[in-house]
Amino acid sequence: MGRVPSIEIVRRAYKIWEESGKPEGKDQEFYHRAERELEDELAQREATRSDKA
């Protein structure tokens, strides 16, 4: 499985933070949530690709 670039995780975390009303003190929570989401999406894309091969 590939690795999600950290800049993509930061961008997703920022989007989640904005959508959540920009609460203070939740940066780690949003970063880890973004990381999980992106890793799950990557795994799904890779699984779909291997199914088609």
C-alpha atoms as a PDB file:
ATOM      1  CA  MET A   1       0.000   0.000   0.000  1.00  0.00           C
ATOM      2  CA  GLY A   2       1.203   3.509  -0.798  1.00  0.00           C
ATOM      3  CA  ARG A   3       1.722   6.272   1.688  1.00  0.00           C
ATOM      4  CA  VAL A   4      -0.429   9.404   1.836  1.00  0.00           C
ATOM      5  CA  PRO A   5       1.702  12.566   1.530  1.00  0.00           C
ATOM      6  CA  SER A   6       1.649  14.597   4.737  1.00  0.00           C
ATOM      7  CA  ILE A   7       0.626  17.768   2.876  1.00  0.00           C
ATOM      8  CA  GLU A   8      -2.560  15.991   1.781  1.00  0.00           C
ATOM      9  CA  ILE A   9      -3.286  15.027   5.377  1.00  0.00           C
ATOM     10  CA  VAL A  10      -2.787  18.631   6.504  1.00  0.00           C
ATOM     11  CA  ARG A  11      -5.093  19.919   3.769  1.00  0.00           C
ATOM     12  CA  ARG A  12      -7.818  17.431   4.713  1.00  0.00           C
ATOM     13  CA  ALA A  13      -7.401  18.205   8.419  1.00  0.00           C
ATOM     14  CA  TYR A  14      -7.763  21.924   7.713  1.00  0.00           C
ATOM     15  CA  LYS A  15     -10.939  21.285   5.734  1.00  0.00           C
ATOM     16  CA  ILE A  16     -12.378  19.180   8.569  1.00  0.00           C
ATOM     17  CA  TRP A  17     -11.409  21.896  11.071  1.00  0.00           C
ATOM     18  CA  GLU A  18     -13.152  24.576   8.997  1.00  0.00           C
ATOM     19  CA  GLU A  19     -16.264  22.449   8.529  1.00  0.00           C
ATOM     20  CA  SER A  20     -16.366  21.835  12.289  1.00  0.00           C
ATOM     21  CA  GLY A  21     -16.491  25.548  13.075  1.00  0.00           C
ATOM     22  CA  LYS A  22     -12.751  26.046  13.696  1.00  0.00           C
ATOM     23  CA  PRO A  23     -12.664  24.821  17.305  1.00  0.00           C
ATOM     24  CA  GLU A  24      -9.471  25.364  19.285  1.00  0.00           C
ATOM     25  CA  GLY A  25      -7.412  22.476  20.658  1.00  0.00           C
ATOM     26  CA  LYS A  26      -8.619  19.828  18.208  1.00  0.00           C
ATOM     27  CA  ASP A  27      -5.678  19.884  15.796  1.00  0.00           C
ATOM     28  CA  GLN A  28      -4.384  16.403  16.637  1.00  0.00           C
ATOM     29  CA  GLU A  29      -7.878  14.929  16.457  1.00  0.00           C
ATOM     30  CA  PHE A  30      -8.481  16.410  13.011  1.00  0.00           C
ATOM     31  CA  TYR A  31      -5.029  15.400  11.764  1.00  0.00           C
ATOM     32  CA  HIS A  32      -5.520  11.776  12.787  1.00  0.00           C
ATOM     33  CA  ARG A  33      -9.042  11.704  11.379  1.00  0.00           C
ATOM     34  CA  ALA A  34      -7.788  13.090   8.068  1.00  0.00           C
ATOM     35  CA  GLU A  35      -4.948  10.575   8.016  1.00  0.00           C
ATOM     36  CA  ARG A  36      -7.349   7.665   8.573  1.00  0.00           C
ATOM     37  CA  GLU A  37      -9.781   8.915   5.933  1.00  0.00           C
ATOM     38  CA  LEU A  38      -7.077   9.358   3.307  1.00  0.00           C
ATOM     39  CA  GLU A  39      -5.435   6.010   4.068  1.00  0.00           C
ATOM     40  CA  ASP A  40      -8.819   4.294   3.799  1.00  0.00           C
ATOM     41  CA  GLU A  41      -9.505   6.020   0.466  1.00  0.00           C
ATOM     42  CA  LEU A  42      -6.080   5.013  -0.843  1.00  0.00           C
ATOM     43  CA  ALA A  43      -6.593   1.397   0.228  1.00  0.00           C
ATOM     44  CA  GLN A  44      -9.985   1.308  -1.500  1.00  0.00           C
ATOM     45  CA  ARG A  45      -8.511   2.710  -4.724  1.00  0.00           C
ATOM     46  CA  GLU A  46      -5.683   0.184  -4.639  1.00  0.00           C
ATOM     47  CA  ALA A  47      -8.085  -2.683  -3.959  1.00  0.00           C
ATOM     48  CA  THR A  48     -10.308  -1.581  -6.835  1.00  0.00           C
ATOM     49  CA  ARG A  49      -7.299  -1.374  -9.129  1.00  0.00           C
ATOM     50  CA  SER A  50      -6.087  -4.854  -8.179  1.00  0.00           C
ATOM     51  CA  ASP A  51      -9.601  -6.276  -8.681  1.00  0.00           C
ATOM     52  CA  LYS A  52      -9.627  -4.935 -12.245  1.00  0.00           C
ATOM     53  CA  ALA A  53      -6.169  -6.311 -13.054  1.00  0.00           C
END
